[in-house]
Amino acid sequence: MGLRNKIRSFFLHNLDKNVYKKLAERYNDFTANYKEFKYRKTFDQDIVNCNYPLVYISQPPRCGGTITRNLFDGHPLFYVFPYELSWEKNGYHWEETLGINKSTLHVLKDKWISHAINHGFDKQIPFYFNRDTQRRIFLNQQSNSSREVLGAYFTSFFNAWINYQNLRGDKKYCIAFCPWTIIDKDSVDRFFNIYPDGYRIHIIRNPLAWWASEKSYEKNSVKDINDYLESHWIFSTNMALYLYKNYPGKYILVDYDQLIKHTQNSMGQICHALNVPFDSALLVPTLNNTQRASNTSHGKQKTSIDTSSLDKWQDLLDKSEVEIIKRKALDLYKRALEHVVNK
């Protein structure tokens, strides 16, 4: 164990959890500030406008949002946000109340950035970013609406991401993902008020496989299957069907199993719905054009599409869990599959 890890381990085991968390955040900020001196971007360089319609992938966690975003990553017509977009988690739910100021930047900014500057997205994918550049670009943008403010944030983010591989060239959409437990109708309505030219993508996953993944991901948490199934998977799937009917052609449902088993057909159908040409880059999950491991909760990650995750539930769920899920959710799952774009 290196010296830095020894120090981290000492503080982790001898400090209150909340105190350690705050100390770690300050350490990340301090070291990120030091590293950012290498990543400065001057204003005599052209600032590329990244204000495009938003394609927002959002559904409960463990449903396949991460791999869907990573499949979009290499397409030349998309700006793809590399991590979870923090806006809703920060408390912004698509209200028309934004202006170009430091308060708005504080609400929108992503708290994972300091950690990624220090450690990369993983050991193979570094993240070179300058937060001062982002702040200056954002505060120098002009805005008359919340749509322009959100576009200013994307412009500031992608221009401040120094080693981003897809900054230039013609674009059609920004792509972003956030796993959100509760899909709120009013929030989605406000989203389409701001982005009438945008889209929502909702991944529909087999509830049996979803529950197995959820259990494996949070092994130490105790969850009541009845309450959790109803409040997460069933509620969100019912809401997805409602929004699909309310926003025809704009609220896109995607079958996770088909996405994993038949990726080319699935991504081709999604491209058709978005009115963009298919590109072979859509067949391999990447992050900043570097091949990306699956975000699986079932053991070792694979740097490809992992079809083995589809049937893991058969080994992980007991008979009572299977019976509960089949009784409560299987008919709803079948109804949802009738409306997916990638049948």
Protein backbone atom coordinates (compact mmCIF):
# COMPACT_ATOMS: atom_id res chain seq x y z
CA MET A 1 0.00 0.00 0.00
CA GLY A 2 1.41 3.39 -1.01
CA LEU A 3 1.88 6.28 1.41
CA ARG A 4 -1.15 8.17 0.10
CA ASN A 5 -3.40 5.14 0.55
CA LYS A 6 -2.02 4.56 4.06
CA ILE A 7 -2.86 8.15 5.02
CA ARG A 8 -6.33 7.83 3.50
CA SER A 9 -6.93 4.56 5.35
CA PHE A 10 -5.82 6.10 8.65
CA PHE A 11 -8.23 9.03 8.36
CA LEU A 12 -11.06 6.80 7.10
CA HIS A 13 -10.85 4.57 10.18
CA ASN A 14 -10.23 7.32 12.75
CA LEU A 15 -12.59 10.11 11.72
CA ASP A 16 -16.34 10.52 11.76
CA LYS A 17 -17.73 9.49 8.34
CA ASN A 18 -19.11 12.97 7.55
CA VAL A 19 -15.89 14.67 8.66
CA TYR A 20 -13.86 12.29 6.49
CA LYS A 21 -16.15 12.97 3.50
CA LYS A 22 -15.70 16.75 3.82
CA LEU A 23 -11.94 16.37 4.26
CA ALA A 24 -11.75 14.13 1.18
CA GLU A 25 -13.74 16.65 -0.87
CA ARG A 26 -11.39 19.47 0.16
CA TYR A 27 -8.36 17.33 -0.66
CA ASN A 28 -9.80 16.54 -4.10
CA ASP A 29 -10.47 20.23 -4.71
CA PHE A 30 -6.96 21.21 -3.61
CA THR A 31 -5.16 18.65 -5.76
CA ALA A 32 -7.49 19.34 -8.69
CA ASN A 33 -6.66 23.06 -8.46
CA TYR A 34 -2.96 22.17 -8.64
CA LYS A 35 -3.43 19.90 -11.66
CA GLU A 36 -5.57 22.44 -13.49
CA PHE A 37 -2.58 24.71 -14.01
CA LYS A 38 -1.58 22.24 -16.74
CA TYR A 39 -4.99 22.35 -18.39
CA ARG A 40 -5.58 26.05 -18.85
CA LYS A 41 -7.38 27.17 -21.98
CA THR A 42 -6.95 30.77 -23.10
CA PHE A 43 -9.74 32.92 -24.45
CA ASP A 44 -7.91 33.57 -27.71
CA GLN A 45 -8.92 30.02 -28.63
CA ASP A 46 -12.31 29.67 -30.29
CA ILE A 47 -15.14 28.74 -27.95
CA VAL A 48 -17.31 26.11 -29.64
CA ASN A 49 -21.07 26.52 -29.15
CA CYS A 50 -22.57 23.36 -27.61
CA ASN A 51 -26.16 24.55 -27.19
CA TYR A 52 -28.09 21.77 -28.93
CA PRO A 53 -31.34 19.89 -28.24
CA LEU A 54 -30.98 17.50 -25.33
CA VAL A 55 -31.57 13.76 -25.47
CA TYR A 56 -32.00 12.82 -21.80
CA ILE A 57 -31.72 9.19 -20.68
CA SER A 58 -33.47 8.72 -17.36
CA GLN A 59 -35.10 5.82 -15.51
CA PRO A 60 -34.46 4.02 -12.19
CA PRO A 61 -30.89 2.84 -11.49
CA ARG A 62 -29.69 -0.56 -12.70
CA CYS A 63 -31.76 -0.41 -15.89
CA GLY A 64 -29.03 0.16 -18.50
CA GLY A 65 -28.72 3.93 -18.75
CA THR A 66 -24.93 3.93 -18.45
CA ILE A 67 -24.30 1.53 -21.31
CA THR A 68 -26.86 3.34 -23.48
CA ARG A 69 -25.05 6.63 -22.96
CA ASN A 70 -21.69 4.96 -23.66
CA LEU A 71 -23.00 3.49 -26.90
CA PHE A 72 -23.84 7.03 -28.05
CA ASP A 73 -20.36 8.31 -27.13
CA GLY A 74 -18.51 7.78 -30.39
CA HIS A 75 -21.16 9.14 -32.77
CA PRO A 76 -19.74 12.29 -34.43
CA LEU A 77 -23.08 14.17 -34.32
CA PHE A 78 -23.43 14.04 -30.51
CA TYR A 79 -21.94 15.80 -27.54
CA VAL A 80 -22.13 13.05 -24.92
CA PHE A 81 -21.91 14.06 -21.26
CA PRO A 82 -19.41 11.60 -19.74
CA TYR A 83 -20.90 10.98 -16.32
CA GLU A 84 -24.25 11.37 -14.59
CA LEU A 85 -25.72 14.81 -15.20
CA SER A 86 -26.22 16.20 -11.68
CA TRP A 87 -28.90 18.83 -12.28
CA GLU A 88 -31.90 16.97 -10.88
CA LYS A 89 -29.87 15.53 -8.01
CA ASN A 90 -28.73 19.09 -7.22
CA GLY A 91 -32.38 20.19 -6.98
CA TYR A 92 -32.95 21.70 -10.43
CA HIS A 93 -36.06 20.20 -12.07
CA TRP A 94 -36.28 22.09 -15.37
CA GLU A 95 -37.84 25.28 -13.99
CA GLU A 96 -37.75 28.48 -16.08
CA THR A 97 -35.87 30.38 -13.39
CA LEU A 98 -32.23 30.36 -14.47
CA GLY A 99 -29.88 33.21 -15.26
CA ILE A 100 -26.18 33.51 -16.12
CA ASN A 101 -24.67 33.96 -12.68
CA LYS A 102 -22.55 32.17 -10.09
CA SER A 103 -25.62 30.90 -8.21
CA THR A 104 -26.88 29.09 -11.30
CA LEU A 105 -23.46 27.60 -11.96
CA HIS A 106 -23.40 26.34 -8.37
CA VAL A 107 -26.78 24.62 -8.89
CA LEU A 108 -25.80 23.04 -12.20
CA LYS A 109 -22.18 22.11 -11.63
CA ASP A 110 -21.22 18.48 -11.21
CA LYS A 111 -19.70 17.45 -7.90
CA TRP A 112 -17.81 14.49 -9.40
CA ILE A 113 -15.45 16.73 -11.40
CA SER A 114 -12.75 17.14 -8.73
CA HIS A 115 -12.49 13.39 -8.22
CA ALA A 116 -12.32 12.75 -11.97
CA ILE A 117 -9.58 15.37 -12.43
CA ASN A 118 -7.49 13.58 -9.80
CA HIS A 119 -8.25 9.98 -10.68
CA GLY A 120 -9.67 9.98 -14.20
CA PHE A 121 -12.89 8.19 -15.11
CA ASP A 122 -10.83 5.09 -14.38
CA LYS A 123 -7.16 4.13 -14.66
CA GLN A 124 -7.34 3.96 -18.47
CA ILE A 125 -9.33 7.14 -19.15
CA PRO A 126 -7.88 10.43 -17.82
CA PHE A 127 -10.02 13.54 -17.42
CA TYR A 128 -8.21 16.82 -18.14
CA PHE A 129 -10.47 19.66 -17.13
CA ASN A 130 -10.17 23.28 -16.01
CA ARG A 131 -12.94 24.54 -13.75
CA ASP A 132 -11.75 28.15 -13.97
CA THR A 133 -12.08 27.97 -17.75
CA GLN A 134 -15.57 26.51 -17.35
CA ARG A 135 -16.56 29.29 -14.94
CA ARG A 136 -15.24 32.07 -17.20
CA ILE A 137 -16.89 30.65 -20.32
CA PHE A 138 -20.23 30.18 -18.55
CA LEU A 139 -20.30 33.68 -17.03
CA ASN A 140 -19.41 35.25 -20.40
CA GLN A 141 -22.33 33.63 -22.24
CA GLN A 142 -25.41 35.63 -23.21
CA SER A 143 -28.83 34.34 -22.23
CA ASN A 144 -32.51 35.29 -22.48
CA SER A 145 -34.00 31.97 -21.34
CA SER A 146 -33.36 28.87 -19.23
CA ARG A 147 -32.75 26.95 -22.46
CA GLU A 148 -29.87 29.28 -23.31
CA VAL A 149 -28.51 29.00 -19.75
CA LEU A 150 -28.47 25.20 -19.96
CA GLY A 151 -26.82 25.46 -23.37
CA ALA A 152 -24.25 27.79 -21.83
CA TYR A 153 -23.48 25.15 -19.22
CA PHE A 154 -22.89 22.49 -21.87
CA THR A 155 -20.76 24.97 -23.85
CA SER A 156 -18.66 25.75 -20.77
CA PHE A 157 -18.31 22.09 -19.82
CA PHE A 158 -17.26 20.64 -23.16
CA ASN A 159 -14.87 23.54 -23.92
CA ALA A 160 -13.23 23.22 -20.49
CA TRP A 161 -12.77 19.46 -20.99
CA ILE A 162 -9.29 19.76 -22.44
CA ASN A 163 -8.79 16.23 -23.76
CA TYR A 164 -12.33 15.83 -25.15
CA GLN A 165 -12.06 14.07 -28.52
CA ASN A 166 -15.32 15.16 -30.15
CA LEU A 167 -15.53 18.93 -29.59
CA ARG A 168 -15.48 20.12 -33.20
CA GLY A 169 -17.56 19.30 -36.23
CA ASP A 170 -21.27 19.48 -36.98
CA LYS A 171 -23.52 18.31 -34.17
CA LYS A 172 -27.22 17.61 -33.71
CA TYR A 173 -27.78 16.73 -30.02
CA CYS A 174 -26.34 16.73 -26.55
CA ILE A 175 -26.77 13.34 -24.86
CA ALA A 176 -26.94 13.07 -21.06
CA PHE A 177 -27.91 10.46 -18.51
CA CYS A 178 -29.07 10.46 -14.91
CA PRO A 179 -30.62 7.48 -13.11
CA TRP A 180 -33.68 8.89 -11.40
CA THR A 181 -35.85 6.77 -9.13
CA ILE A 182 -39.03 8.83 -9.48
CA ILE A 183 -39.98 9.91 -13.00
CA ASP A 184 -42.14 12.92 -12.23
CA LYS A 185 -44.78 13.98 -14.77
CA ASP A 186 -44.53 17.69 -13.96
CA SER A 187 -40.75 17.61 -14.26
CA VAL A 188 -40.97 15.90 -17.66
CA ASP A 189 -43.54 18.49 -18.79
CA ARG A 190 -41.13 21.27 -17.80
CA PHE A 191 -38.30 19.47 -19.62
CA PHE A 192 -40.26 19.55 -22.87
CA ASN A 193 -41.22 23.19 -22.30
CA ILE A 194 -37.49 24.01 -22.27
CA TYR A 195 -36.53 21.44 -24.91
CA PRO A 196 -39.49 21.08 -27.31
CA ASP A 197 -36.95 19.76 -29.82
CA GLY A 198 -35.46 17.34 -27.27
CA TYR A 199 -36.15 13.70 -26.44
CA ARG A 200 -36.39 11.47 -23.40
CA ILE A 201 -35.13 7.88 -23.51
CA HIS A 202 -36.45 5.42 -20.92
CA ILE A 203 -34.86 1.97 -20.74
CA ILE A 204 -37.28 -0.86 -19.87
CA ARG A 205 -35.49 -3.71 -18.12
CA ASN A 206 -36.88 -7.12 -17.19
CA PRO A 207 -37.99 -6.64 -13.55
CA LEU A 208 -36.43 -9.97 -12.58
CA ALA A 209 -33.01 -8.95 -13.93
CA TRP A 210 -33.44 -5.44 -12.49
CA TRP A 211 -34.08 -6.75 -8.97
CA ALA A 212 -31.12 -9.14 -9.20
CA SER A 213 -28.86 -6.28 -10.28
CA GLU A 214 -30.21 -3.98 -7.55
CA LYS A 215 -29.58 -6.62 -4.88
CA SER A 216 -26.05 -7.33 -6.12
CA TYR A 217 -25.16 -3.65 -6.36
CA GLU A 218 -26.21 -2.83 -2.79
CA LYS A 219 -25.45 -6.08 -1.01
CA ASN A 220 -25.42 -4.58 2.49
CA SER A 221 -28.73 -2.73 2.30
CA VAL A 222 -31.97 -4.33 3.44
CA LYS A 223 -34.88 -3.72 1.08
CA ASP A 224 -38.41 -4.99 1.18
CA ILE A 225 -39.03 -6.44 -2.27
CA ASN A 226 -42.74 -5.54 -2.28
CA ASP A 227 -42.27 -1.87 -1.39
CA TYR A 228 -39.16 -1.42 -3.52
CA LEU A 229 -40.64 -3.09 -6.58
CA GLU A 230 -43.80 -0.97 -6.40
CA SER A 231 -42.12 2.35 -5.64
CA HIS A 232 -39.33 1.98 -8.20
CA TRP A 233 -39.86 -0.39 -11.12
CA ILE A 234 -43.67 -0.53 -11.24
CA PHE A 235 -44.21 3.18 -10.64
CA SER A 236 -41.61 4.26 -13.20
CA THR A 237 -42.82 1.82 -15.85
CA ASN A 238 -46.43 2.95 -15.46
CA MET A 239 -45.25 6.55 -15.71
CA ALA A 240 -43.18 5.68 -18.79
CA LEU A 241 -46.27 4.31 -20.55
CA TYR A 242 -48.24 7.43 -19.62
CA LEU A 243 -45.50 9.75 -20.90
CA TYR A 244 -45.04 7.66 -24.04
CA LYS A 245 -48.70 8.30 -24.91
CA ASN A 246 -48.55 11.97 -23.87
CA TYR A 247 -45.40 12.70 -25.91
CA PRO A 248 -45.65 10.49 -29.00
CA GLY A 249 -42.35 10.25 -30.82
CA LYS A 250 -40.58 12.24 -28.11
CA TYR A 251 -40.63 9.87 -25.11
CA ILE A 252 -38.78 6.83 -26.43
CA LEU A 253 -39.01 3.43 -24.74
CA VAL A 254 -36.11 1.00 -25.26
CA ASP A 255 -36.07 -2.72 -24.44
CA TYR A 256 -32.84 -3.39 -22.52
CA ASP A 257 -32.68 -7.07 -23.48
CA GLN A 258 -32.92 -6.28 -27.18
CA LEU A 259 -30.37 -3.48 -26.81
CA ILE A 260 -27.86 -5.94 -25.37
CA LYS A 261 -28.65 -8.90 -27.66
CA HIS A 262 -29.27 -6.98 -30.89
CA THR A 263 -27.29 -3.78 -30.48
CA GLN A 264 -27.07 -2.81 -34.14
CA ASN A 265 -30.82 -3.07 -34.75
CA SER A 266 -31.61 -1.31 -31.46
CA MET A 267 -29.25 1.63 -31.99
CA GLY A 268 -30.40 1.85 -35.59
CA GLN A 269 -34.02 2.18 -34.47
CA ILE A 270 -33.08 4.83 -31.89
CA CYS A 271 -31.16 6.77 -34.57
CA HIS A 272 -34.21 6.59 -36.81
CA ALA A 273 -36.37 8.01 -33.99
CA LEU A 274 -33.84 10.83 -33.50
CA ASN A 275 -33.56 11.40 -37.28
CA VAL A 276 -29.79 10.91 -37.39
CA PRO A 277 -27.75 8.48 -39.52
CA PHE A 278 -26.48 5.25 -38.00
CA ASP A 279 -22.74 5.06 -37.30
CA SER A 280 -20.72 1.94 -36.55
CA ALA A 281 -19.34 3.66 -33.43
CA LEU A 282 -22.75 2.99 -31.85
CA LEU A 283 -21.92 -0.71 -31.56
CA VAL A 284 -19.17 -0.36 -28.94
CA PRO A 285 -19.59 1.34 -25.54
CA THR A 286 -16.90 4.00 -25.13
CA LEU A 287 -16.10 7.03 -23.02
CA ASN A 288 -14.28 9.83 -24.86
CA ASN A 289 -13.71 7.34 -27.70
CA THR A 290 -11.98 4.85 -25.39
CA GLN A 291 -13.61 1.45 -25.01
CA ARG A 292 -15.50 1.34 -21.73
CA ALA A 293 -16.21 -1.56 -19.38
CA SER A 294 -19.82 -2.50 -18.63
CA ASN A 295 -21.24 -1.01 -15.43
CA THR A 296 -22.33 -4.42 -14.22
CA SER A 297 -23.19 -5.26 -10.61
CA HIS A 298 -22.47 -8.96 -11.26
CA GLY A 299 -18.74 -9.35 -10.66
CA LYS A 300 -15.88 -8.37 -12.97
CA GLN A 301 -16.54 -5.72 -15.59
CA LYS A 302 -16.12 -6.54 -19.26
CA THR A 303 -14.86 -4.14 -21.92
CA SER A 304 -17.71 -5.11 -24.23
CA ILE A 305 -21.45 -5.63 -24.15
CA ASP A 306 -22.16 -8.22 -21.46
CA THR A 307 -25.03 -10.50 -22.53
CA SER A 308 -24.49 -12.78 -19.52
CA SER A 309 -26.19 -10.23 -17.25
CA LEU A 310 -29.57 -10.91 -18.88
CA ASP A 311 -30.09 -14.30 -17.21
CA LYS A 312 -28.13 -13.83 -13.96
CA TRP A 313 -31.39 -13.45 -12.08
CA GLN A 314 -32.00 -17.19 -12.41
CA ASP A 315 -28.99 -17.84 -10.15
CA LEU A 316 -29.46 -14.90 -7.78
CA LEU A 317 -33.16 -14.79 -6.92
CA ASP A 318 -34.94 -17.24 -4.69
CA LYS A 319 -38.28 -18.80 -5.59
CA SER A 320 -40.36 -16.39 -3.47
CA GLU A 321 -38.77 -13.34 -5.09
CA VAL A 322 -39.44 -14.71 -8.56
CA GLU A 323 -43.07 -15.41 -7.69
CA ILE A 324 -43.61 -11.90 -6.26
CA ILE A 325 -42.09 -10.18 -9.29
CA LYS A 326 -43.95 -12.34 -11.80
CA ARG A 327 -47.25 -11.75 -10.01
CA LYS A 328 -46.85 -8.00 -9.60
CA ALA A 329 -44.79 -6.85 -12.58
CA LEU A 330 -44.67 -9.35 -15.44
CA ASP A 331 -47.91 -8.25 -17.15
CA LEU A 332 -46.82 -4.61 -16.95
CA TYR A 333 -43.45 -5.55 -18.42
CA LYS A 334 -45.13 -7.28 -21.35
CA ARG A 335 -47.36 -4.24 -21.95
CA ALA A 336 -44.35 -1.93 -21.93
CA LEU A 337 -42.54 -4.11 -24.49
CA GLU A 338 -45.39 -3.55 -26.93
CA HIS A 339 -44.30 0.10 -27.24
CA VAL A 340 -40.50 -0.09 -27.34
CA VAL A 341 -38.71 1.35 -30.34
CA ASN A 342 -36.44 -1.71 -30.76
CA LYS A 343 -38.86 -4.64 -30.98
